[in-house]
Full PDB file with SEQRES, HELIX, SHEET, SSBOND, CRYST1, ORIGX, SCALE, CONECT and MASTER records, all heavy atoms in Angstrom:
SEQRES   1 A   41  ALA ALA SER GLY ARG ILE LEU SER SER TYR GLY MET GLY          
SEQRES   2 A   41  TRP PHE ARG GLN ALA PRO GLY LYS GLU ARG GLU PHE VAL          
SEQRES   3 A   41  ALA ASN ILE ASN TRP ARG GLY SER SER ARG ASP TYR ALA          
SEQRES   4 A   41  ASP SER                                                      
HELIX    1 AA1 LEU A    7  SER A    9  5                                   3    
SHEET    1 AA1 3 MET A  12  ARG A  16  0                                        
SHEET    2 AA1 3 GLU A  24  ILE A  29 -1                                        
SHEET    3 AA1 3 ARG A  36  TYR A  38 -1                                        
CRYST1    1.000    1.000    1.000  90.00  90.00  90.00 P 1           1          
ORIGX1      1.000000  0.000000  0.000000        0.00000                         
ORIGX2      0.000000  1.000000  0.000000        0.00000                         
ORIGX3      0.000000  0.000000  1.000000        0.00000                         
SCALE1      1.000000  0.000000  0.000000        0.00000                         
SCALE2      0.000000  1.000000  0.000000        0.00000                         
SCALE3      0.000000  0.000000  1.000000        0.00000                         
ATOM      1  N   ALA A   1       0.837  -1.192   0.000  1.00  0.00           N  
ATOM      2  CA  ALA A   1       0.000   0.000   0.000  1.00  0.00           C  
ATOM      3  C   ALA A   1       0.874   1.244   0.000  1.00  0.00           C  
ATOM      4  O   ALA A   1       1.870   1.305   0.727  1.00  0.00           O  
ATOM      5  CB  ALA A   1      -0.923   0.006   1.217  1.00  0.00           C  
ATOM      6  N   ALA A   2       0.496   2.222  -0.803  1.00  0.00           N  
ATOM      7  CA  ALA A   2       1.298   3.423  -0.965  1.00  0.00           C  
ATOM      8  C   ALA A   2       0.575   4.656  -0.444  1.00  0.00           C  
ATOM      9  O   ALA A   2      -0.651   4.741  -0.480  1.00  0.00           O  
ATOM     10  CB  ALA A   2       1.662   3.635  -2.432  1.00  0.00           C  
ATOM     11  N   SER A   3       1.371   5.607   0.015  1.00  0.00           N  
ATOM     12  CA  SER A   3       0.877   6.917   0.383  1.00  0.00           C  
ATOM     13  C   SER A   3       1.910   7.955  -0.036  1.00  0.00           C  
ATOM     14  O   SER A   3       3.081   7.642  -0.182  1.00  0.00           O  
ATOM     15  CB  SER A   3       0.598   7.014   1.891  1.00  0.00           C  
ATOM     16  OG  SER A   3       1.798   6.831   2.636  1.00  0.00           O  
ATOM     17  N   GLY A   4       1.470   9.188  -0.235  1.00  0.00           N  
ATOM     18  CA  GLY A   4       2.380  10.241  -0.632  1.00  0.00           C  
ATOM     19  C   GLY A   4       2.622  10.349  -2.128  1.00  0.00           C  
ATOM     20  O   GLY A   4       3.254  11.309  -2.576  1.00  0.00           O  
ATOM     21  N   ARG A   5       2.161   9.382  -2.888  1.00  0.00           N  
ATOM     22  CA  ARG A   5       2.276   9.409  -4.333  1.00  0.00           C  
ATOM     23  C   ARG A   5       1.161   8.573  -4.930  1.00  0.00           C  
ATOM     24  O   ARG A   5       0.915   7.455  -4.479  1.00  0.00           O  
ATOM     25  CB  ARG A   5       3.628   8.879  -4.817  1.00  0.00           C  
ATOM     26  CG  ARG A   5       3.774   8.900  -6.346  1.00  0.00           C  
ATOM     27  CD  ARG A   5       4.947   8.073  -6.840  1.00  0.00           C  
ATOM     28  NE  ARG A   5       6.232   8.630  -6.436  1.00  0.00           N  
ATOM     29  CZ  ARG A   5       7.416   8.148  -6.820  1.00  0.00           C  
ATOM     30  NH1 ARG A   5       7.463   7.090  -7.624  1.00  0.00           N  
ATOM     31  NH2 ARG A   5       8.531   8.705  -6.389  1.00  0.00           N  
ATOM     32  N   ILE A   6       0.508   9.109  -5.945  1.00  0.00           N  
ATOM     33  CA  ILE A   6      -0.484   8.352  -6.686  1.00  0.00           C  
ATOM     34  C   ILE A   6       0.262   7.483  -7.686  1.00  0.00           C  
ATOM     35  O   ILE A   6       1.008   7.980  -8.523  1.00  0.00           O  
ATOM     36  CB  ILE A   6      -1.489   9.265  -7.398  1.00  0.00           C  
ATOM     37  CG1 ILE A   6      -2.173  10.186  -6.381  1.00  0.00           C  
ATOM     38  CG2 ILE A   6      -2.515   8.445  -8.161  1.00  0.00           C  
ATOM     39  CD1 ILE A   6      -2.935   9.444  -5.306  1.00  0.00           C  
ATOM     40  N   LEU A   7       0.062   6.180  -7.613  1.00  0.00           N  
ATOM     41  CA  LEU A   7       0.845   5.231  -8.384  1.00  0.00           C  
ATOM     42  C   LEU A   7       0.288   4.925  -9.759  1.00  0.00           C  
ATOM     43  O   LEU A   7       0.924   4.200 -10.527  1.00  0.00           O  
ATOM     44  CB  LEU A   7       0.988   3.922  -7.602  1.00  0.00           C  
ATOM     45  CG  LEU A   7       1.634   4.009  -6.222  1.00  0.00           C  
ATOM     46  CD1 LEU A   7       1.690   2.616  -5.598  1.00  0.00           C  
ATOM     47  CD2 LEU A   7       3.023   4.613  -6.307  1.00  0.00           C  
ATOM     48  N   SER A   8      -0.861   5.460 -10.090  1.00  0.00           N  
ATOM     49  CA  SER A   8      -1.551   5.050 -11.308  1.00  0.00           C  
ATOM     50  C   SER A   8      -0.762   5.295 -12.584  1.00  0.00           C  
ATOM     51  O   SER A   8      -1.025   4.645 -13.603  1.00  0.00           O  
ATOM     52  CB  SER A   8      -2.918   5.729 -11.402  1.00  0.00           C  
ATOM     53  OG  SER A   8      -2.784   7.139 -11.408  1.00  0.00           O  
ATOM     54  N   SER A   9       0.199   6.201 -12.585  1.00  0.00           N  
ATOM     55  CA  SER A   9       0.978   6.501 -13.775  1.00  0.00           C  
ATOM     56  C   SER A   9       2.401   5.934 -13.723  1.00  0.00           C  
ATOM     57  O   SER A   9       3.219   6.243 -14.590  1.00  0.00           O  
ATOM     58  CB  SER A   9       1.034   8.008 -14.018  1.00  0.00           C  
ATOM     59  OG  SER A   9       1.642   8.687 -12.935  1.00  0.00           O  
ATOM     60  N   TYR A  10       2.677   5.095 -12.738  1.00  0.00           N  
ATOM     61  CA  TYR A  10       4.012   4.539 -12.554  1.00  0.00           C  
ATOM     62  C   TYR A  10       4.001   3.019 -12.577  1.00  0.00           C  
ATOM     63  O   TYR A  10       3.111   2.380 -12.013  1.00  0.00           O  
ATOM     64  CB  TYR A  10       4.613   5.001 -11.221  1.00  0.00           C  
ATOM     65  CG  TYR A  10       4.872   6.484 -11.138  1.00  0.00           C  
ATOM     66  CD1 TYR A  10       3.872   7.358 -10.732  1.00  0.00           C  
ATOM     67  CD2 TYR A  10       6.122   7.003 -11.459  1.00  0.00           C  
ATOM     68  CE1 TYR A  10       4.102   8.715 -10.657  1.00  0.00           C  
ATOM     69  CE2 TYR A  10       6.360   8.364 -11.382  1.00  0.00           C  
ATOM     70  CZ  TYR A  10       5.349   9.216 -10.981  1.00  0.00           C  
ATOM     71  OH  TYR A  10       5.595  10.569 -10.904  1.00  0.00           O  
ATOM     72  N   GLY A  11       5.023   2.475 -13.217  1.00  0.00           N  
ATOM     73  CA  GLY A  11       5.236   1.050 -13.103  1.00  0.00           C  
ATOM     74  C   GLY A  11       5.688   0.703 -11.692  1.00  0.00           C  
ATOM     75  O   GLY A  11       6.299   1.520 -11.002  1.00  0.00           O  
ATOM     76  N   MET A  12       5.388  -0.514 -11.272  1.00  0.00           N  
ATOM     77  CA  MET A  12       5.735  -0.975  -9.943  1.00  0.00           C  
ATOM     78  C   MET A  12       6.472  -2.305 -10.031  1.00  0.00           C  
ATOM     79  O   MET A  12       6.224  -3.105 -10.933  1.00  0.00           O  
ATOM     80  CB  MET A  12       4.487  -1.143  -9.072  1.00  0.00           C  
ATOM     81  CG  MET A  12       3.693   0.134  -8.860  1.00  0.00           C  
ATOM     82  SD  MET A  12       4.565   1.302  -7.780  1.00  0.00           S  
ATOM     83  CE  MET A  12       4.608   0.376  -6.248  1.00  0.00           C  
ATOM     84  N   GLY A  13       7.367  -2.519  -9.086  1.00  0.00           N  
ATOM     85  CA  GLY A  13       8.143  -3.743  -9.096  1.00  0.00           C  
ATOM     86  C   GLY A  13       8.233  -4.398  -7.736  1.00  0.00           C  
ATOM     87  O   GLY A  13       8.007  -3.767  -6.702  1.00  0.00           O  
ATOM     88  N   TRP A  14       8.547  -5.681  -7.766  1.00  0.00           N  
ATOM     89  CA  TRP A  14       8.869  -6.445  -6.578  1.00  0.00           C  
ATOM     90  C   TRP A  14      10.305  -6.946  -6.695  1.00  0.00           C  
ATOM     91  O   TRP A  14      10.704  -7.454  -7.751  1.00  0.00           O  
ATOM     92  CB  TRP A  14       7.929  -7.642  -6.393  1.00  0.00           C  
ATOM     93  CG  TRP A  14       6.542  -7.292  -5.961  1.00  0.00           C  
ATOM     94  CD1 TRP A  14       5.456  -7.109  -6.753  1.00  0.00           C  
ATOM     95  CD2 TRP A  14       6.093  -7.094  -4.613  1.00  0.00           C  
ATOM     96  NE1 TRP A  14       4.347  -6.812  -5.987  1.00  0.00           N  
ATOM     97  CE2 TRP A  14       4.714  -6.798  -4.675  1.00  0.00           C  
ATOM     98  CE3 TRP A  14       6.724  -7.145  -3.369  1.00  0.00           C  
ATOM     99  CZ2 TRP A  14       3.950  -6.552  -3.537  1.00  0.00           C  
ATOM    100  CZ3 TRP A  14       5.970  -6.898  -2.232  1.00  0.00           C  
ATOM    101  CH2 TRP A  14       4.607  -6.604  -2.319  1.00  0.00           C  
ATOM    102  N   PHE A  15      11.052  -6.791  -5.631  1.00  0.00           N  
ATOM    103  CA  PHE A  15      12.415  -7.301  -5.529  1.00  0.00           C  
ATOM    104  C   PHE A  15      12.520  -8.154  -4.274  1.00  0.00           C  
ATOM    105  O   PHE A  15      11.666  -8.074  -3.388  1.00  0.00           O  
ATOM    106  CB  PHE A  15      13.431  -6.157  -5.458  1.00  0.00           C  
ATOM    107  CG  PHE A  15      13.605  -5.400  -6.745  1.00  0.00           C  
ATOM    108  CD1 PHE A  15      12.649  -4.503  -7.177  1.00  0.00           C  
ATOM    109  CD2 PHE A  15      14.746  -5.589  -7.517  1.00  0.00           C  
ATOM    110  CE1 PHE A  15      12.811  -3.801  -8.357  1.00  0.00           C  
ATOM    111  CE2 PHE A  15      14.921  -4.886  -8.699  1.00  0.00           C  
ATOM    112  CZ  PHE A  15      13.955  -3.997  -9.121  1.00  0.00           C  
ATOM    113  N   ARG A  16      13.576  -8.942  -4.190  1.00  0.00           N  
ATOM    114  CA  ARG A  16      13.799  -9.725  -2.988  1.00  0.00           C  
ATOM    115  C   ARG A  16      15.295  -9.819  -2.709  1.00  0.00           C  
ATOM    116  O   ARG A  16      16.119  -9.691  -3.606  1.00  0.00           O  
ATOM    117  CB  ARG A  16      13.192 -11.127  -3.098  1.00  0.00           C  
ATOM    118  CG  ARG A  16      13.853 -12.027  -4.132  1.00  0.00           C  
ATOM    119  CD  ARG A  16      13.067 -13.327  -4.278  1.00  0.00           C  
ATOM    120  NE  ARG A  16      13.698 -14.247  -5.212  1.00  0.00           N  
ATOM    121  CZ  ARG A  16      13.155 -15.390  -5.606  1.00  0.00           C  
ATOM    122  NH1 ARG A  16      11.959 -15.750  -5.134  1.00  0.00           N  
ATOM    123  NH2 ARG A  16      13.803 -16.172  -6.463  1.00  0.00           N  
ATOM    124  N   GLN A  17      15.609 -10.049  -1.451  1.00  0.00           N  
ATOM    125  CA  GLN A  17      17.000 -10.165  -1.052  1.00  0.00           C  
ATOM    126  C   GLN A  17      17.134 -11.197   0.059  1.00  0.00           C  
ATOM    127  O   GLN A  17      16.502 -11.086   1.102  1.00  0.00           O  
ATOM    128  CB  GLN A  17      17.554  -8.819  -0.587  1.00  0.00           C  
ATOM    129  CG  GLN A  17      19.046  -8.827  -0.324  1.00  0.00           C  
ATOM    130  CD  GLN A  17      19.613  -7.428  -0.174  1.00  0.00           C  
ATOM    131  OE1 GLN A  17      18.889  -6.490   0.169  1.00  0.00           O  
ATOM    132  NE2 GLN A  17      20.888  -7.278  -0.439  1.00  0.00           N  
ATOM    133  N   ALA A  18      17.960 -12.190  -0.184  1.00  0.00           N  
ATOM    134  CA  ALA A  18      18.256 -13.221   0.797  1.00  0.00           C  
ATOM    135  C   ALA A  18      19.579 -12.895   1.477  1.00  0.00           C  
ATOM    136  O   ALA A  18      20.419 -12.184   0.909  1.00  0.00           O  
ATOM    137  CB  ALA A  18      18.326 -14.587   0.127  1.00  0.00           C  
ATOM    138  N   PRO A  19      19.805 -13.397   2.689  1.00  0.00           N  
ATOM    139  CA  PRO A  19      21.065 -13.125   3.390  1.00  0.00           C  
ATOM    140  C   PRO A  19      22.272 -13.512   2.555  1.00  0.00           C  
ATOM    141  O   PRO A  19      22.338 -14.612   2.001  1.00  0.00           O  
ATOM    142  CB  PRO A  19      20.961 -13.991   4.643  1.00  0.00           C  
ATOM    143  CG  PRO A  19      19.495 -14.122   4.882  1.00  0.00           C  
ATOM    144  CD  PRO A  19      18.892 -14.204   3.502  1.00  0.00           C  
ATOM    145  N   GLY A  20      23.230 -12.597   2.458  1.00  0.00           N  
ATOM    146  CA  GLY A  20      24.445 -12.856   1.716  1.00  0.00           C  
ATOM    147  C   GLY A  20      24.317 -12.761   0.208  1.00  0.00           C  
ATOM    148  O   GLY A  20      25.285 -13.036  -0.504  1.00  0.00           O  
ATOM    149  N   LYS A  21      23.151 -12.375  -0.279  1.00  0.00           N  
ATOM    150  CA  LYS A  21      22.941 -12.284  -1.716  1.00  0.00           C  
ATOM    151  C   LYS A  21      22.551 -10.870  -2.126  1.00  0.00           C  
ATOM    152  O   LYS A  21      22.118 -10.065  -1.310  1.00  0.00           O  
ATOM    153  CB  LYS A  21      21.855 -13.264  -2.169  1.00  0.00           C  
ATOM    154  CG  LYS A  21      22.227 -14.734  -2.025  1.00  0.00           C  
ATOM    155  CD  LYS A  21      21.179 -15.622  -2.650  1.00  0.00           C  
ATOM    156  CE  LYS A  21      21.583 -17.075  -2.591  1.00  0.00           C  
ATOM    157  NZ  LYS A  21      20.577 -17.951  -3.240  1.00  0.00           N  
ATOM    158  N   GLU A  22      22.717 -10.593  -3.410  1.00  0.00           N  
ATOM    159  CA  GLU A  22      22.334  -9.301  -3.957  1.00  0.00           C  
ATOM    160  C   GLU A  22      20.816  -9.212  -4.077  1.00  0.00           C  
ATOM    161  O   GLU A  22      20.121 -10.221  -4.215  1.00  0.00           O  
ATOM    162  CB  GLU A  22      22.972  -9.089  -5.326  1.00  0.00           C  
ATOM    163  CG  GLU A  22      24.489  -9.089  -5.335  1.00  0.00           C  
ATOM    164  CD  GLU A  22      25.061  -7.855  -4.691  1.00  0.00           C  
ATOM    165  OE1 GLU A  22      24.411  -6.788  -4.751  1.00  0.00           O  
ATOM    166  OE2 GLU A  22      26.154  -7.947  -4.121  1.00  0.00           O  
ATOM    167  N   ARG A  23      20.319  -7.996  -4.023  1.00  0.00           N  
ATOM    168  CA  ARG A  23      18.904  -7.785  -4.268  1.00  0.00           C  
ATOM    169  C   ARG A  23      18.595  -8.139  -5.717  1.00  0.00           C  
ATOM    170  O   ARG A  23      19.297  -7.717  -6.639  1.00  0.00           O  
ATOM    171  CB  ARG A  23      18.533  -6.330  -3.976  1.00  0.00           C  
ATOM    172  CG  ARG A  23      17.056  -6.025  -4.111  1.00  0.00           C  
ATOM    173  CD  ARG A  23      16.732  -4.615  -3.654  1.00  0.00           C  
ATOM    174  NE  ARG A  23      17.073  -4.418  -2.261  1.00  0.00           N  
ATOM    175  CZ  ARG A  23      16.844  -3.299  -1.581  1.00  0.00           C  
ATOM    176  NH1 ARG A  23      16.264  -2.269  -2.184  1.00  0.00           N  
ATOM    177  NH2 ARG A  23      17.200  -3.206  -0.318  1.00  0.00           N  
ATOM    178  N   GLU A  24      17.562  -8.921  -5.927  1.00  0.00           N  
ATOM    179  CA  GLU A  24      17.244  -9.369  -7.265  1.00  0.00           C  
ATOM    180  C   GLU A  24      15.827  -9.000  -7.668  1.00  0.00           C  
ATOM    181  O   GLU A  24      14.914  -8.946  -6.845  1.00  0.00           O  
ATOM    182  CB  GLU A  24      17.450 -10.889  -7.406  1.00  0.00           C  
ATOM    183  CG  GLU A  24      16.526 -11.727  -6.550  1.00  0.00           C  
ATOM    184  CD  GLU A  24      16.661 -13.214  -6.826  1.00  0.00           C  
ATOM    185  OE1 GLU A  24      17.092 -13.585  -7.942  1.00  0.00           O  
ATOM    186  OE2 GLU A  24      16.339 -14.018  -5.927  1.00  0.00           O  
ATOM    187  N   PHE A  25      15.673  -8.786  -8.944  1.00  0.00           N  
ATOM    188  CA  PHE A  25      14.384  -8.466  -9.525  1.00  0.00           C  
ATOM    189  C   PHE A  25      13.471  -9.676  -9.478  1.00  0.00           C  
ATOM    190  O   PHE A  25      13.891 -10.802  -9.735  1.00  0.00           O  
ATOM    191  CB  PHE A  25      14.580  -8.010 -10.977  1.00  0.00           C  
ATOM    192  CG  PHE A  25      13.319  -7.908 -11.767  1.00  0.00           C  
ATOM    193  CD1 PHE A  25      12.475  -6.819 -11.625  1.00  0.00           C  
ATOM    194  CD2 PHE A  25      12.969  -8.899 -12.670  1.00  0.00           C  
ATOM    195  CE1 PHE A  25      11.307  -6.720 -12.361  1.00  0.00           C  
ATOM    196  CE2 PHE A  25      11.807  -8.812 -13.409  1.00  0.00           C  
ATOM    197  CZ  PHE A  25      10.977  -7.711 -13.248  1.00  0.00           C  
ATOM    198  N   VAL A  26      12.202  -9.441  -9.168  1.00  0.00           N  
ATOM    199  CA  VAL A  26      11.206 -10.504  -9.125  1.00  0.00           C  
ATOM    200  C   VAL A  26      10.128 -10.291 -10.178  1.00  0.00           C  
ATOM    201  O   VAL A  26       9.867 -11.173 -10.998  1.00  0.00           O  
ATOM    202  CB  VAL A  26      10.558 -10.613  -7.733  1.00  0.00           C  
ATOM    203  CG1 VAL A  26       9.442 -11.656  -7.746  1.00  0.00           C  
ATOM    204  CG2 VAL A  26      11.601 -10.958  -6.679  1.00  0.00           C  
ATOM    205  N   ALA A  27       9.494  -9.122 -10.159  1.00  0.00           N  
ATOM    206  CA  ALA A  27       8.377  -8.877 -11.071  1.00  0.00           C  
ATOM    207  C   ALA A  27       8.144  -7.387 -11.247  1.00  0.00           C  
ATOM    208  O   ALA A  27       8.498  -6.580 -10.390  1.00  0.00           O  
ATOM    209  CB  ALA A  27       7.100  -9.540 -10.557  1.00  0.00           C  
ATOM    210  N   ASN A  28       7.531  -7.040 -12.359  1.00  0.00           N  
ATOM    211  CA  ASN A  28       7.164  -5.657 -12.656  1.00  0.00           C  
ATOM    212  C   ASN A  28       5.809  -5.637 -13.333  1.00  0.00           C  
ATOM    213  O   ASN A  28       5.488  -6.532 -14.117  1.00  0.00           O  
ATOM    214  CB  ASN A  28       8.216  -5.005 -13.562  1.00  0.00           C  
ATOM    215  CG  ASN A  28       7.814  -3.621 -14.048  1.00  0.00           C  
ATOM    216  OD1 ASN A  28       7.072  -3.483 -15.032  1.00  0.00           O  
ATOM    217  ND2 ASN A  28       8.288  -2.589 -13.368  1.00  0.00           N  
ATOM    218  N   ILE A  29       5.037  -4.604 -13.042  1.00  0.00           N  
ATOM    219  CA  ILE A  29       3.772  -4.381 -13.724  1.00  0.00           C  
ATOM    220  C   ILE A  29       3.733  -2.925 -14.155  1.00  0.00           C  
ATOM    221  O   ILE A  29       4.067  -2.038 -13.375  1.00  0.00           O  
ATOM    222  CB  ILE A  29       2.575  -4.760 -12.831  1.00  0.00           C  
ATOM    223  CG1 ILE A  29       1.259  -4.599 -13.591  1.00  0.00           C  
ATOM    224  CG2 ILE A  29       2.573  -3.957 -11.538  1.00  0.00           C  
ATOM    225  CD1 ILE A  29       0.077  -5.241 -12.876  1.00  0.00           C  
ATOM    226  N   ASN A  30       3.344  -2.685 -15.399  1.00  0.00           N  
ATOM    227  CA  ASN A  30       3.389  -1.325 -15.903  1.00  0.00           C  
ATOM    228  C   ASN A  30       2.268  -0.475 -15.321  1.00  0.00           C  
ATOM    229  O   ASN A  30       1.409  -0.950 -14.576  1.00  0.00           O  
ATOM    230  CB  ASN A  30       3.392  -1.306 -17.437  1.00  0.00           C  
ATOM    231  CG  ASN A  30       2.038  -1.614 -18.057  1.00  0.00           C  
ATOM    232  OD1 ASN A  30       1.123  -2.097 -17.394  1.00  0.00           O  
ATOM    233  ND2 ASN A  30       1.911  -1.329 -19.341  1.00  0.00           N  
ATOM    234  N   TRP A  31       2.271   0.792 -15.691  1.00  0.00           N  
ATOM    235  CA  TRP A  31       1.372   1.762 -15.060  1.00  0.00           C  
ATOM    236  C   TRP A  31      -0.100   1.420 -15.236  1.00  0.00           C  
ATOM    237  O   TRP A  31      -0.918   1.696 -14.350  1.00  0.00           O  
ATOM    238  CB  TRP A  31       1.661   3.163 -15.610  1.00  0.00           C  
ATOM    239  CG  TRP A  31       1.363   3.324 -17.077  1.00  0.00           C  
ATOM    240  CD1 TRP A  31       2.159   2.972 -18.125  1.00  0.00           C  
ATOM    241  CD2 TRP A  31       0.173   3.887 -17.644  1.00  0.00           C  
ATOM    242  NE1 TRP A  31       1.545   3.279 -19.317  1.00  0.00           N  
ATOM    243  CE2 TRP A  31       0.323   3.843 -19.050  1.00  0.00           C  
ATOM    244  CE3 TRP A  31      -0.994   4.430 -17.110  1.00  0.00           C  
ATOM    245  CZ2 TRP A  31      -0.653   4.311 -19.920  1.00  0.00           C  
ATOM    246  CZ3 TRP A  31      -1.970   4.902 -17.975  1.00  0.00           C  
ATOM    247  CH2 TRP A  31      -1.789   4.841 -19.360  1.00  0.00           C  
ATOM    248  N   ARG A  32      -0.449   0.828 -16.365  1.00  0.00           N  
ATOM    249  CA  ARG A  32      -1.845   0.507 -16.636  1.00  0.00           C  
ATOM    250  C   ARG A  32      -2.225  -0.902 -16.180  1.00  0.00           C  
ATOM    251  O   ARG A  32      -3.401  -1.241 -16.122  1.00  0.00           O  
ATOM    252  CB  ARG A  32      -2.121   0.660 -18.131  1.00  0.00           C  
ATOM    253  CG  ARG A  32      -3.582   0.923 -18.446  1.00  0.00           C  
ATOM    254  CD  ARG A  32      -3.939   0.609 -19.897  1.00  0.00           C  
ATOM    255  NE  ARG A  32      -2.974   0.993 -20.865  1.00  0.00           N  
ATOM    256  CZ  ARG A  32      -3.151   1.926 -21.798  1.00  0.00           C  
ATOM    257  NH1 ARG A  32      -4.297   2.614 -21.833  1.00  0.00           N  
ATOM    258  NH2 ARG A  32      -2.198   2.170 -22.678  1.00  0.00           N  
ATOM    259  N   GLY A  33      -1.215  -1.700 -15.858  1.00  0.00           N  
ATOM    260  CA  GLY A  33      -1.476  -3.079 -15.497  1.00  0.00           C  
ATOM    261  C   GLY A  33      -1.670  -3.984 -16.690  1.00  0.00           C  
ATOM    262  O   GLY A  33      -2.122  -5.127 -16.535  1.00  0.00           O  
ATOM    263  N   SER A  34      -1.322  -3.509 -17.881  1.00  0.00           N  
ATOM    264  CA  SER A  34      -1.518  -4.263 -19.107  1.00  0.00           C  
ATOM    265  C   SER A  34      -0.311  -5.107 -19.500  1.00  0.00           C  
ATOM    266  O   SER A  34      -0.416  -5.943 -20.398  1.00  0.00           O  
ATOM    267  CB  SER A  34      -1.874  -3.319 -20.255  1.00  0.00           C  
ATOM    268  OG  SER A  34      -0.857  -2.356 -20.454  1.00  0.00           O  
ATOM    269  N   SER A  35       0.812  -4.892 -18.849  1.00  0.00           N  
ATOM    270  CA  SER A  35       2.034  -5.615 -19.177  1.00  0.00           C  
ATOM    271  C   SER A  35       2.734  -6.042 -17.900  1.00  0.00           C  
ATOM    272  O   SER A  35       2.822  -5.268 -16.944  1.00  0.00           O  
ATOM    273  CB  SER A  35       2.960  -4.745 -20.025  1.00  0.00           C  
ATOM    274  OG  SER A  35       4.143  -5.437 -20.373  1.00  0.00           O  
ATOM    275  N   ARG A  36       3.240  -7.273 -17.900  1.00  0.00           N  
ATOM    276  CA  ARG A  36       3.918  -7.818 -16.734  1.00  0.00           C  
ATOM    277  C   ARG A  36       5.229  -8.455 -17.151  1.00  0.00           C  
ATOM    278  O   ARG A  36       5.362  -8.994 -18.246  1.00  0.00           O  
ATOM    279  CB  ARG A  36       3.034  -8.849 -16.027  1.00  0.00           C  
ATOM    280  CG  ARG A  36       1.749  -8.271 -15.457  1.00  0.00           C  
ATOM    281  CD  ARG A  36       0.784  -9.360 -15.045  1.00  0.00           C  
ATOM    282  NE  ARG A  36      -0.401  -8.823 -14.389  1.00  0.00           N  
ATOM    283  CZ  ARG A  36      -1.452  -8.333 -15.032  1.00  0.00           C  
ATOM    284  NH1 ARG A  36      -1.475  -8.301 -16.362  1.00  0.00           N  
ATOM    285  NH2 ARG A  36      -2.493  -7.869 -14.349  1.00  0.00           N  
ATOM    286  N   ASP A  37       6.188  -8.396 -16.261  1.00  0.00           N  
ATOM    287  CA  ASP A  37       7.510  -8.941 -16.508  1.00  0.00           C  
ATOM    288  C   ASP A  37       7.949  -9.700 -15.263  1.00  0.00           C  
ATOM    289  O   ASP A  37       7.729  -9.236 -14.142  1.00  0.00           O  
ATOM    290  CB  ASP A  37       8.494  -7.812 -16.840  1.00  0.00           C  
ATOM    291  CG  ASP A  37       9.862  -8.317 -17.247  1.00  0.00           C  
ATOM    292  OD1 ASP A  37       9.941  -9.335 -17.948  1.00  0.00           O  
ATOM    293  OD2 ASP A  37      10.861  -7.671 -16.868  1.00  0.00           O  
ATOM    294  N   TYR A  38       8.572 -10.876 -15.461  1.00  0.00           N  
ATOM    295  CA  TYR A  38       8.966 -11.714 -14.346  1.00  0.00           C  
ATOM    296  C   TYR A  38      10.385 -12.227 -14.517  1.00  0.00           C  
ATOM    297  O   TYR A  38      10.845 -12.459 -15.636  1.00  0.00           O  
ATOM    298  CB  TYR A  38       8.046 -12.930 -14.210  1.00  0.00           C  
ATOM    299  CG  TYR A  38       6.597 -12.608 -13.959  1.00  0.00           C  
ATOM    300  CD1 TYR A  38       5.690 -12.516 -15.007  1.00  0.00           C  
ATOM    301  CD2 TYR A  38       6.130 -12.401 -12.665  1.00  0.00           C  
ATOM    302  CE1 TYR A  38       4.356 -12.224 -14.780  1.00  0.00           C  
ATOM    303  CE2 TYR A  38       4.798 -12.107 -12.426  1.00  0.00           C  
ATOM    304  CZ  TYR A  38       3.915 -12.024 -13.492  1.00  0.00           C  
ATOM    305  OH  TYR A  38       2.589 -11.743 -13.248  1.00  0.00           O  
ATOM    306  N   ALA A  39      11.051 -12.409 -13.398  1.00  0.00           N  
ATOM    307  CA  ALA A  39      12.318 -13.109 -13.430  1.00  0.00           C  
ATOM    308  C   ALA A  39      12.075 -14.566 -13.799  1.00  0.00           C  
ATOM    309  O   ALA A  39      11.028 -15.137 -13.474  1.00  0.00           O  
ATOM    310  CB  ALA A  39      13.007 -13.020 -12.072  1.00  0.00           C  
ATOM    311  N   ASP A  40      13.042 -15.173 -14.470  1.00  0.00           N  
ATOM    312  CA  ASP A  40      12.886 -16.562 -14.892  1.00  0.00           C  
ATOM    313  C   ASP A  40      12.639 -17.502 -13.714  1.00  0.00           C  
ATOM    314  O   ASP A  40      11.914 -18.489 -13.842  1.00  0.00           O  
ATOM    315  CB  ASP A  40      14.124 -17.025 -15.657  1.00  0.00           C  
ATOM    316  CG  ASP A  40      14.246 -16.384 -17.026  1.00  0.00           C  
ATOM    317  OD1 ASP A  40      13.239 -15.860 -17.533  1.00  0.00           O  
ATOM    318  OD2 ASP A  40      15.357 -16.419 -17.593  1.00  0.00           O  
ATOM    319  N   SER A  41      13.205 -17.186 -12.573  1.00  0.00           N  
ATOM    320  CA  SER A  41      13.105 -18.053 -11.415  1.00  0.00           C  
ATOM    321  C   SER A  41      11.695 -18.135 -10.835  1.00  0.00           C  
ATOM    322  O   SER A  41      11.377 -19.077 -10.108  1.00  0.00           O  
ATOM    323  CB  SER A  41      14.084 -17.601 -10.324  1.00  0.00           C  
ATOM    324  OG  SER A  41      13.814 -16.273  -9.919  1.00  0.00           O  
TER     325      SER A  41                                                      
MASTER        0    0    0    1    3    0    0    6  324    1    0    4          
END                                                                             
């Protein structure tokens, strides 16, 4: 949940980070929700 910015015109992403590892990309959804991108894993 977001506050301080209306997200409707921005793409959003999910990242994750495990101990001892770099932060990695998980998923993205564009501003309209019409396009999605995922890490292969």
